[in-house]
Amino acid sequence: TNPFPYYLFALVILAVVIYVDVWITRSKVGRGLLATRDDELVAQAFGINPLGYKLLGFVISGAMAGLGGSTKKDRK
């Protein structure tokens, strides 16, 4: 009945998601995702596989959405 552990769990998940987001954005993968977002043809000219990075972005966003859905607490 005490909601504090749930809020603490949700806060930890939020911190992990923000850390992963910043880490990915600053990595080679993040630069590839940004390049693919901006212009696929230019990214492909630089040797980036746009389909692979689109799929990776979809998987990452799905994992983060799944984590967000897992923290939902059913209230009765």
PDB file of N, CA and C in Angstrom:
ATOM      1  N   THR A   1       0.823  -1.207   0.000  1.00  0.00           N
ATOM      2  CA  THR A   1       0.000   0.000   0.000  1.00  0.00           C
ATOM      3  C   THR A   1       0.860   1.260   0.000  1.00  0.00           C
ATOM      4  N   ASN A   2       2.111   1.159   0.398  1.00  0.00           N
ATOM      5  CA  ASN A   2       3.006   2.304   0.410  1.00  0.00           C
ATOM      6  C   ASN A   2       3.582   2.508  -0.993  1.00  0.00           C
ATOM      7  N   PRO A   3       3.349   3.672  -1.628  1.00  0.00           N
ATOM      8  CA  PRO A   3       3.821   3.880  -3.007  1.00  0.00           C
ATOM      9  C   PRO A   3       5.289   4.290  -3.109  1.00  0.00           C
ATOM     10  N   PHE A   4       5.969   4.534  -1.995  1.00  0.00           N
ATOM     11  CA  PHE A   4       7.348   5.031  -2.056  1.00  0.00           C
ATOM     12  C   PHE A   4       8.307   4.089  -2.789  1.00  0.00           C
ATOM     13  N   PRO A   5       8.276   2.765  -2.548  1.00  0.00           N
ATOM     14  CA  PRO A   5       9.191   1.886  -3.302  1.00  0.00           C
ATOM     15  C   PRO A   5       8.943   1.930  -4.809  1.00  0.00           C
ATOM     16  N   TYR A   6       7.685   2.066  -5.200  1.00  0.00           N
ATOM     17  CA  TYR A   6       7.370   2.167  -6.629  1.00  0.00           C
ATOM     18  C   TYR A   6       7.977   3.443  -7.218  1.00  0.00           C
ATOM     19  N   TYR A   7       7.829   4.557  -6.528  1.00  0.00           N
ATOM     20  CA  TYR A   7       8.379   5.816  -7.021  1.00  0.00           C
ATOM     21  C   TYR A   7       9.901   5.760  -7.083  1.00  0.00           C
ATOM     22  N   LEU A   8      10.513   5.141  -6.113  1.00  0.00           N
ATOM     23  CA  LEU A   8      11.959   4.985  -6.112  1.00  0.00           C
ATOM     24  C   LEU A   8      12.411   4.120  -7.293  1.00  0.00           C
ATOM     25  N   PHE A   9      11.690   3.046  -7.557  1.00  0.00           N
ATOM     26  CA  PHE A   9      12.001   2.181  -8.695  1.00  0.00           C
ATOM     27  C   PHE A   9      11.864   2.941 -10.008  1.00  0.00           C
ATOM     28  N   ALA A  10      10.786   3.717 -10.140  1.00  0.00           N
ATOM     29  CA  ALA A  10      10.576   4.496 -11.364  1.00  0.00           C
ATOM     30  C   ALA A  10      11.665   5.549 -11.535  1.00  0.00           C
ATOM     31  N   LEU A  11      12.115   6.141 -10.449  1.00  0.00           N
ATOM     32  CA  LEU A  11      13.181   7.137 -10.513  1.00  0.00           C
ATOM     33  C   LEU A  11      14.498   6.510 -10.956  1.00  0.00           C
ATOM     34  N   VAL A  12      14.785   5.316 -10.476  1.00  0.00           N
ATOM     35  CA  VAL A  12      16.003   4.611 -10.880  1.00  0.00           C
ATOM     36  C   VAL A  12      15.943   4.254 -12.367  1.00  0.00           C
ATOM     37  N   ILE A  13      14.800   3.773 -12.814  1.00  0.00           N
ATOM     38  CA  ILE A  13      14.639   3.447 -14.246  1.00  0.00           C
ATOM     39  C   ILE A  13      14.817   4.698 -15.096  1.00  0.00           C
ATOM     40  N   LEU A  14      14.249   5.824 -14.657  1.00  0.00           N
ATOM     41  CA  LEU A  14      14.401   7.080 -15.387  1.00  0.00           C
ATOM     42  C   LEU A  14      15.863   7.493 -15.466  1.00  0.00           C
ATOM     43  N   ALA A  15      16.588   7.376 -14.379  1.00  0.00           N
ATOM     44  CA  ALA A  15      18.010   7.736 -14.378  1.00  0.00           C
ATOM     45  C   ALA A  15      18.803   6.838 -15.328  1.00  0.00           C
ATOM     46  N   VAL A  16      18.493   5.559 -15.350  1.00  0.00           N
ATOM     47  CA  VAL A  16      19.189   4.624 -16.238  1.00  0.00           C
ATOM     48  C   VAL A  16      18.899   4.965 -17.701  1.00  0.00           C
ATOM     49  N   VAL A  17      17.649   5.264 -18.011  1.00  0.00           N
ATOM     50  CA  VAL A  17      17.275   5.589 -19.392  1.00  0.00           C
ATOM     51  C   VAL A  17      17.953   6.882 -19.838  1.00  0.00           C
ATOM     52  N   ILE A  18      18.005   7.883 -18.974  1.00  0.00           N
ATOM     53  CA  ILE A  18      18.668   9.139 -19.334  1.00  0.00           C
ATOM     54  C   ILE A  18      20.164   8.903 -19.546  1.00  0.00           C
ATOM     55  N   TYR A  19      20.789   8.116 -18.677  1.00  0.00           N
ATOM     56  CA  TYR A  19      22.214   7.813 -18.834  1.00  0.00           C
ATOM     57  C   TYR A  19      22.483   7.099 -20.160  1.00  0.00           C
ATOM     58  N   VAL A  20      21.679   6.100 -20.476  1.00  0.00           N
ATOM     59  CA  VAL A  20      21.861   5.354 -21.728  1.00  0.00           C
ATOM     60  C   VAL A  20      21.644   6.271 -22.929  1.00  0.00           C
ATOM     61  N   ASP A  21      20.659   7.158 -22.840  1.00  0.00           N
ATOM     62  CA  ASP A  21      20.387   8.081 -23.939  1.00  0.00           C
ATOM     63  C   ASP A  21      21.575   9.005 -24.188  1.00  0.00           C
ATOM     64  N   VAL A  22      22.130   9.573 -23.133  1.00  0.00           N
ATOM     65  CA  VAL A  22      23.290  10.462 -23.283  1.00  0.00           C
ATOM     66  C   VAL A  22      24.491   9.677 -23.794  1.00  0.00           C
ATOM     67  N   TRP A  23      24.679   8.467 -23.270  1.00  0.00           N
ATOM     68  CA  TRP A  23      25.810   7.647 -23.694  1.00  0.00           C
ATOM     69  C   TRP A  23      25.709   7.291 -25.182  1.00  0.00           C
ATOM     70  N   ILE A  24      24.527   6.918 -25.625  1.00  0.00           N
ATOM     71  CA  ILE A  24      24.344   6.564 -27.035  1.00  0.00           C
ATOM     72  C   ILE A  24      24.529   7.786 -27.920  1.00  0.00           C
ATOM     73  N   THR A  25      23.996   8.932 -27.509  1.00  0.00           N
ATOM     74  CA  THR A  25      24.098  10.142 -28.318  1.00  0.00           C
ATOM     75  C   THR A  25      25.554  10.552 -28.541  1.00  0.00           C
ATOM     76  N   ARG A  26      26.405  10.341 -27.546  1.00  0.00           N
ATOM     77  CA  ARG A  26      27.803  10.747 -27.649  1.00  0.00           C
ATOM     78  C   ARG A  26      28.697   9.694 -28.292  1.00  0.00           C
ATOM     79  N   SER A  27      28.158   8.533 -28.620  1.00  0.00           N
ATOM     80  CA  SER A  27      28.975   7.459 -29.177  1.00  0.00           C
ATOM     81  C   SER A  27      28.912   7.463 -30.709  1.00  0.00           C
ATOM     82  N   LYS A  28      29.640   6.530 -31.289  1.00  0.00           N
ATOM     83  CA  LYS A  28      29.633   6.367 -32.743  1.00  0.00           C
ATOM     84  C   LYS A  28      28.231   5.991 -33.237  1.00  0.00           C
ATOM     85  N   VAL A  29      27.548   5.190 -32.460  1.00  0.00           N
ATOM     86  CA  VAL A  29      26.183   4.789 -32.823  1.00  0.00           C
ATOM     87  C   VAL A  29      25.271   6.007 -32.861  1.00  0.00           C
ATOM     88  N   GLY A  30      25.409   6.901 -31.887  1.00  0.00           N
ATOM     89  CA  GLY A  30      24.587   8.108 -31.857  1.00  0.00           C
ATOM     90  C   GLY A  30      24.858   9.012 -33.052  1.00  0.00           C
ATOM     91  N   ARG A  31      26.123   9.134 -33.414  1.00  0.00           N
ATOM     92  CA  ARG A  31      26.444   9.941 -34.589  1.00  0.00           C
ATOM     93  C   ARG A  31      25.877   9.318 -35.855  1.00  0.00           C
ATOM     94  N   GLY A  32      25.896   7.996 -35.929  1.00  0.00           N
ATOM     95  CA  GLY A  32      25.302   7.322 -37.084  1.00  0.00           C
ATOM     96  C   GLY A  32      23.797   7.502 -37.138  1.00  0.00           C
ATOM     97  N   LEU A  33      23.153   7.444 -35.973  1.00  0.00           N
ATOM     98  CA  LEU A  33      21.706   7.667 -35.924  1.00  0.00           C
ATOM     99  C   LEU A  33      21.356   9.093 -36.337  1.00  0.00           C
ATOM    100  N   LEU A  34      22.127  10.064 -35.855  1.00  0.00           N
ATOM    101  CA  LEU A  34      21.870  11.458 -36.233  1.00  0.00           C
ATOM    102  C   LEU A  34      22.117  11.688 -37.715  1.00  0.00           C
ATOM    103  N   ALA A  35      23.170  11.088 -38.251  1.00  0.00           N
ATOM    104  CA  ALA A  35      23.458  11.250 -39.672  1.00  0.00           C
ATOM    105  C   ALA A  35      22.355  10.623 -40.530  1.00  0.00           C
ATOM    106  N   THR A  36      21.862   9.475 -40.095  1.00  0.00           N
ATOM    107  CA  THR A  36      20.782   8.817 -40.837  1.00  0.00           C
ATOM    108  C   THR A  36      19.506   9.638 -40.753  1.00  0.00           C
ATOM    109  N   ARG A  37      19.256  10.242 -39.591  1.00  0.00           N
ATOM    110  CA  ARG A  37      18.071  11.073 -39.435  1.00  0.00           C
ATOM    111  C   ARG A  37      18.138  12.298 -40.338  1.00  0.00           C
ATOM    112  N   ASP A  38      19.315  12.921 -40.421  1.00  0.00           N
ATOM    113  CA  ASP A  38      19.438  14.155 -41.188  1.00  0.00           C
ATOM    114  C   ASP A  38      19.333  13.908 -42.689  1.00  0.00           C
ATOM    115  N   ASP A  39      20.117  12.974 -43.199  1.00  0.00           N
ATOM    116  CA  ASP A  39      20.100  12.707 -44.648  1.00  0.00           C
ATOM    117  C   ASP A  39      20.640  11.308 -44.902  1.00  0.00           C
ATOM    118  N   GLU A  40      19.778  10.432 -45.357  1.00  0.00           N
ATOM    119  CA  GLU A  40      20.177   9.039 -45.572  1.00  0.00           C
ATOM    120  C   GLU A  40      21.214   8.894 -46.682  1.00  0.00           C
ATOM    121  N   LEU A  41      21.064   9.652 -47.742  1.00  0.00           N
ATOM    122  CA  LEU A  41      22.005   9.521 -48.855  1.00  0.00           C
ATOM    123  C   LEU A  41      23.406   9.968 -48.459  1.00  0.00           C
ATOM    124  N   VAL A  42      23.508  11.062 -47.728  1.00  0.00           N
ATOM    125  CA  VAL A  42      24.815  11.526 -47.279  1.00  0.00           C
ATOM    126  C   VAL A  42      25.413  10.530 -46.292  1.00  0.00           C
ATOM    127  N   ALA A  43      24.591   9.998 -45.390  1.00  0.00           N
ATOM    128  CA  ALA A  43      25.081   9.005 -44.435  1.00  0.00           C
ATOM    129  C   ALA A  43      25.589   7.769 -45.162  1.00  0.00           C
ATOM    130  N   GLN A  44      24.863   7.347 -46.175  1.00  0.00           N
ATOM    131  CA  GLN A  44      25.286   6.187 -46.951  1.00  0.00           C
ATOM    132  C   GLN A  44      26.590   6.476 -47.696  1.00  0.00           C
ATOM    133  N   ALA A  45      26.764   7.714 -48.164  1.00  0.00           N
ATOM    134  CA  ALA A  45      28.003   8.091 -48.845  1.00  0.00           C
ATOM    135  C   ALA A  45      29.207   8.036 -47.896  1.00  0.00           C
ATOM    136  N   PHE A  46      28.954   8.247 -46.604  1.00  0.00           N
ATOM    137  CA  PHE A  46      30.031   8.175 -45.613  1.00  0.00           C
ATOM    138  C   PHE A  46      30.220   6.770 -45.062  1.00  0.00           C
ATOM    139  N   GLY A  47      29.527   5.804 -45.617  1.00  0.00           N
ATOM    140  CA  GLY A  47      29.733   4.417 -45.222  1.00  0.00           C
ATOM    141  C   GLY A  47      28.847   3.941 -44.084  1.00  0.00           C
ATOM    142  N   ILE A  48      27.795   4.670 -43.811  1.00  0.00           N
ATOM    143  CA  ILE A  48      26.863   4.285 -42.745  1.00  0.00           C
ATOM    144  C   ILE A  48      25.716   3.512 -43.383  1.00  0.00           C
ATOM    145  N   ASN A  49      25.355   2.400 -42.771  1.00  0.00           N
ATOM    146  CA  ASN A  49      24.241   1.596 -43.263  1.00  0.00           C
ATOM    147  C   ASN A  49      22.934   2.145 -42.669  1.00  0.00           C
ATOM    148  N   PRO A  50      22.156   2.906 -43.458  1.00  0.00           N
ATOM    149  CA  PRO A  50      20.948   3.532 -42.905  1.00  0.00           C
ATOM    150  C   PRO A  50      19.918   2.520 -42.392  1.00  0.00           C
ATOM    151  N   LEU A  51      19.774   1.409 -43.076  1.00  0.00           N
ATOM    152  CA  LEU A  51      18.800   0.411 -42.637  1.00  0.00           C
ATOM    153  C   LEU A  51      19.188  -0.180 -41.281  1.00  0.00           C
ATOM    154  N   GLY A  52      20.458  -0.469 -41.103  1.00  0.00           N
ATOM    155  CA  GLY A  52      20.926  -1.010 -39.831  1.00  0.00           C
ATOM    156  C   GLY A  52      20.746  -0.029 -38.687  1.00  0.00           C
ATOM    157  N   TYR A  53      21.040   1.244 -38.940  1.00  0.00           N
ATOM    158  CA  TYR A  53      20.887   2.239 -37.883  1.00  0.00           C
ATOM    159  C   TYR A  53      19.413   2.532 -37.599  1.00  0.00           C
ATOM    160  N   LYS A  54      18.570   2.473 -38.608  1.00  0.00           N
ATOM    161  CA  LYS A  54      17.131   2.625 -38.366  1.00  0.00           C
ATOM    162  C   LYS A  54      16.613   1.482 -37.501  1.00  0.00           C
ATOM    163  N   LEU A  55      17.048   0.281 -37.810  1.00  0.00           N
ATOM    164  CA  LEU A  55      16.634  -0.881 -37.029  1.00  0.00           C
ATOM    165  C   LEU A  55      17.157  -0.781 -35.596  1.00  0.00           C
ATOM    166  N   LEU A  56      18.397  -0.358 -35.432  1.00  0.00           N
ATOM    167  CA  LEU A  56      18.964  -0.194 -34.101  1.00  0.00           C
ATOM    168  C   LEU A  56      18.211   0.872 -33.310  1.00  0.00           C
ATOM    169  N   GLY A  57      17.873   1.974 -33.944  1.00  0.00           N
ATOM    170  CA  GLY A  57      17.096   3.024 -33.281  1.00  0.00           C
ATOM    171  C   GLY A  57      15.722   2.532 -32.871  1.00  0.00           C
ATOM    172  N   PHE A  58      15.108   1.718 -33.709  1.00  0.00           N
ATOM    173  CA  PHE A  58      13.799   1.151 -33.385  1.00  0.00           C
ATOM    174  C   PHE A  58      13.901   0.209 -32.184  1.00  0.00           C
ATOM    175  N   VAL A  59      14.942  -0.591 -32.143  1.00  0.00           N
ATOM    176  CA  VAL A  59      15.135  -1.529 -31.031  1.00  0.00           C
ATOM    177  C   VAL A  59      15.392  -0.770 -29.729  1.00  0.00           C
ATOM    178  N   ILE A  60      16.229   0.257 -29.787  1.00  0.00           N
ATOM    179  CA  ILE A  60      16.526   1.038 -28.584  1.00  0.00           C
ATOM    180  C   ILE A  60      15.279   1.741 -28.082  1.00  0.00           C
ATOM    181  N   SER A  61      14.529   2.361 -28.973  1.00  0.00           N
ATOM    182  CA  SER A  61      13.321   3.060 -28.538  1.00  0.00           C
ATOM    183  C   SER A  61      12.276   2.081 -28.013  1.00  0.00           C
ATOM    184  N   GLY A  62      12.195   0.909 -28.605  1.00  0.00           N
ATOM    185  CA  GLY A  62      11.264  -0.104 -28.105  1.00  0.00           C
ATOM    186  C   GLY A  62      11.652  -0.602 -26.724  1.00  0.00           C
ATOM    187  N   ALA A  63      12.952  -0.745 -26.489  1.00  0.00           N
ATOM    188  CA  ALA A  63      13.412  -1.177 -25.166  1.00  0.00           C
ATOM    189  C   ALA A  63      13.112  -0.122 -24.112  1.00  0.00           C
ATOM    190  N   MET A  64      13.316   1.138 -24.457  1.00  0.00           N
ATOM    191  CA  MET A  64      13.019   2.204 -23.497  1.00  0.00           C
ATOM    192  C   MET A  64      11.524   2.315 -23.237  1.00  0.00           C
ATOM    193  N   ALA A  65      10.722   2.141 -24.266  1.00  0.00           N
ATOM    194  CA  ALA A  65       9.271   2.158 -24.070  1.00  0.00           C
ATOM    195  C   ALA A  65       8.824   0.966 -23.232  1.00  0.00           C
ATOM    196  N   GLY A  66       9.453  -0.177 -23.435  1.00  0.00           N
ATOM    197  CA  GLY A  66       9.135  -1.349 -22.624  1.00  0.00           C
ATOM    198  C   GLY A  66       9.477  -1.151 -21.165  1.00  0.00           C
ATOM    199  N   LEU A  67      10.608  -0.491 -20.906  1.00  0.00           N
ATOM    200  CA  LEU A  67      10.958  -0.176 -19.520  1.00  0.00           C
ATOM    201  C   LEU A  67       9.947   0.781 -18.912  1.00  0.00           C
ATOM    202  N   GLY A  68       9.510   1.752 -19.676  1.00  0.00           N
ATOM    203  CA  GLY A  68       8.504   2.672 -19.185  1.00  0.00           C
ATOM    204  C   GLY A  68       7.185   1.986 -18.899  1.00  0.00           C
ATOM    205  N   GLY A  69       6.824   1.042 -19.725  1.00  0.00           N
ATOM    206  CA  GLY A  69       5.590   0.288 -19.493  1.00  0.00           C
ATOM    207  C   GLY A  69       5.682  -0.676 -18.342  1.00  0.00           C
ATOM    208  N   SER A  70       6.904  -1.132 -18.055  1.00  0.00           N
ATOM    209  CA  SER A  70       7.061  -2.076 -16.962  1.00  0.00           C
ATOM    210  C   SER A  70       6.958  -1.416 -15.596  1.00  0.00           C
ATOM    211  N   THR A  71       7.126  -0.101 -15.553  1.00  0.00           N
ATOM    212  CA  THR A  71       7.052   0.595 -14.275  1.00  0.00           C
ATOM    213  C   THR A  71       5.624   1.027 -13.951  1.00  0.00           C
ATOM    214  N   LYS A  72       4.672   0.712 -14.810  1.00  0.00           N
ATOM    215  CA  LYS A  72       3.284   1.081 -14.550  1.00  0.00           C
ATOM    216  C   LYS A  72       2.762   0.204 -13.405  1.00  0.00           C
ATOM    217  N   LYS A  73       2.187   0.867 -12.442  1.00  0.00           N
ATOM    218  CA  LYS A  73       1.649   0.148 -11.281  1.00  0.00           C
ATOM    219  C   LYS A  73       0.128   0.115 -11.391  1.00  0.00           C
ATOM    220  N   ASP A  74      -0.421  -1.067 -11.319  1.00  0.00           N
ATOM    221  CA  ASP A  74      -1.877  -1.190 -11.378  1.00  0.00           C
ATOM    222  C   ASP A  74      -2.469  -0.810 -10.031  1.00  0.00           C
ATOM    223  N   ARG A  75      -3.378   0.117 -10.074  1.00  0.00           N
ATOM    224  CA  ARG A  75      -4.064   0.554  -8.844  1.00  0.00           C
ATOM    225  C   ARG A  75      -5.431  -0.061  -8.810  1.00  0.00           C
ATOM    226  N   LYS A  76      -5.772  -0.644  -7.672  1.00  0.00           N
ATOM    227  CA  LYS A  76      -7.092  -1.258  -7.536  1.00  0.00           C
ATOM    228  C   LYS A  76      -7.867  -0.600  -6.437  1.00  0.00           C
TER     229      LYS A  76
END
